[in-house]
Amino acid sequence: MLNRHLSIGLKIKLYIHYFFFFLFCRLVSSCWCF
């Protein structure tokens, strides 16, 4: 039960990290364009 909850939390953390990484890449690429 606890282990399962932990893995779900890790997945959410991973998705958030990917999302911020994607936003950062978009920001950098848009800055490079201008």
N, C-alpha and C. Protein backbone atom coordinates (compact mmCIF):
# COMPACT_ATOMS: atom_id res chain seq x y z
N MET A 1 0.85 -1.20 0.00
CA MET A 1 0.00 0.00 0.00
C MET A 1 0.88 1.25 0.00
N LEU A 2 1.77 1.33 0.99
CA LEU A 2 2.64 2.50 1.11
C LEU A 2 3.60 2.58 -0.09
N ASN A 3 4.12 1.40 -0.48
CA ASN A 3 5.04 1.35 -1.62
C ASN A 3 4.35 1.80 -2.89
N ARG A 4 3.10 1.39 -3.06
CA ARG A 4 2.35 1.78 -4.25
C ARG A 4 2.13 3.29 -4.25
N HIS A 5 1.75 3.84 -3.11
CA HIS A 5 1.54 5.28 -3.00
C HIS A 5 2.84 6.02 -3.31
N LEU A 6 3.95 5.48 -2.85
CA LEU A 6 5.25 6.09 -3.07
C LEU A 6 5.58 6.12 -4.56
N SER A 7 5.30 5.00 -5.25
CA SER A 7 5.61 4.93 -6.68
C SER A 7 4.75 5.92 -7.47
N ILE A 8 3.50 6.12 -7.04
CA ILE A 8 2.62 7.08 -7.72
C ILE A 8 3.18 8.49 -7.52
N GLY A 9 3.64 8.78 -6.32
CA GLY A 9 4.23 10.08 -6.02
C GLY A 9 5.48 10.33 -6.86
N LEU A 10 6.28 9.26 -7.02
CA LEU A 10 7.49 9.38 -7.83
C LEU A 10 7.14 9.65 -9.29
N LYS A 11 6.10 8.97 -9.77
CA LYS A 11 5.66 9.18 -11.16
C LYS A 11 5.22 10.62 -11.36
N ILE A 12 4.45 11.15 -10.40
CA ILE A 12 3.97 12.53 -10.51
C ILE A 12 5.16 13.49 -10.49
N LYS A 13 6.13 13.21 -9.61
CA LYS A 13 7.32 14.06 -9.55
C LYS A 13 8.06 14.04 -10.88
N LEU A 14 8.16 12.84 -11.47
CA LEU A 14 8.85 12.69 -12.74
C LEU A 14 8.13 13.48 -13.83
N TYR A 15 6.80 13.38 -13.86
CA TYR A 15 6.03 14.12 -14.87
C TYR A 15 6.20 15.62 -14.70
N ILE A 16 6.22 16.09 -13.44
CA ILE A 16 6.40 17.52 -13.19
C ILE A 16 7.78 17.97 -13.67
N HIS A 17 8.81 17.14 -13.40
CA HIS A 17 10.16 17.48 -13.84
C HIS A 17 10.23 17.56 -15.36
N TYR A 18 9.58 16.58 -16.04
CA TYR A 18 9.58 16.60 -17.49
C TYR A 18 8.87 17.83 -18.03
N PHE A 19 7.76 18.20 -17.36
CA PHE A 19 6.98 19.36 -17.78
C PHE A 19 7.80 20.64 -17.66
N PHE A 20 8.51 20.79 -16.53
CA PHE A 20 9.33 21.99 -16.35
C PHE A 20 10.51 22.01 -17.31
N PHE A 21 11.06 20.82 -17.59
CA PHE A 21 12.16 20.71 -18.55
C PHE A 21 11.68 21.13 -19.93
N PHE A 22 10.46 20.69 -20.29
CA PHE A 22 9.87 21.06 -21.58
C PHE A 22 9.65 22.57 -21.65
N LEU A 23 9.12 23.16 -20.58
CA LEU A 23 8.89 24.60 -20.55
C LEU A 23 10.21 25.36 -20.68
N PHE A 24 11.24 24.87 -19.98
CA PHE A 24 12.55 25.51 -20.03
C PHE A 24 13.12 25.45 -21.45
N CYS A 25 12.96 24.28 -22.09
CA CYS A 25 13.45 24.14 -23.48
C CYS A 25 12.70 25.08 -24.41
N ARG A 26 11.41 25.20 -24.22
CA ARG A 26 10.61 26.10 -25.06
C ARG A 26 11.08 27.55 -24.86
N LEU A 27 11.33 27.92 -23.61
CA LEU A 27 11.78 29.27 -23.29
C LEU A 27 13.12 29.56 -23.95
N VAL A 28 14.06 28.62 -23.81
CA VAL A 28 15.40 28.79 -24.38
C VAL A 28 15.32 28.86 -25.91
N SER A 29 14.55 27.98 -26.51
CA SER A 29 14.46 27.97 -27.98
C SER A 29 13.80 29.25 -28.49
N SER A 30 12.81 29.76 -27.75
CA SER A 30 12.16 31.00 -28.18
C SER A 30 13.12 32.18 -28.02
N CYS A 31 13.97 32.13 -27.00
CA CYS A 31 14.96 33.19 -26.81
C CYS A 31 16.01 33.13 -27.92
N TRP A 32 16.38 31.90 -28.32
CA TRP A 32 17.39 31.74 -29.37
C TRP A 32 16.86 32.21 -30.71
N CYS A 33 15.55 32.10 -30.90
CA CYS A 33 14.96 32.50 -32.18
C CYS A 33 15.06 34.01 -32.36
N PHE A 34 14.89 34.74 -31.27
CA PHE A 34 14.88 36.21 -31.38
C PHE A 34 16.25 36.85 -31.30
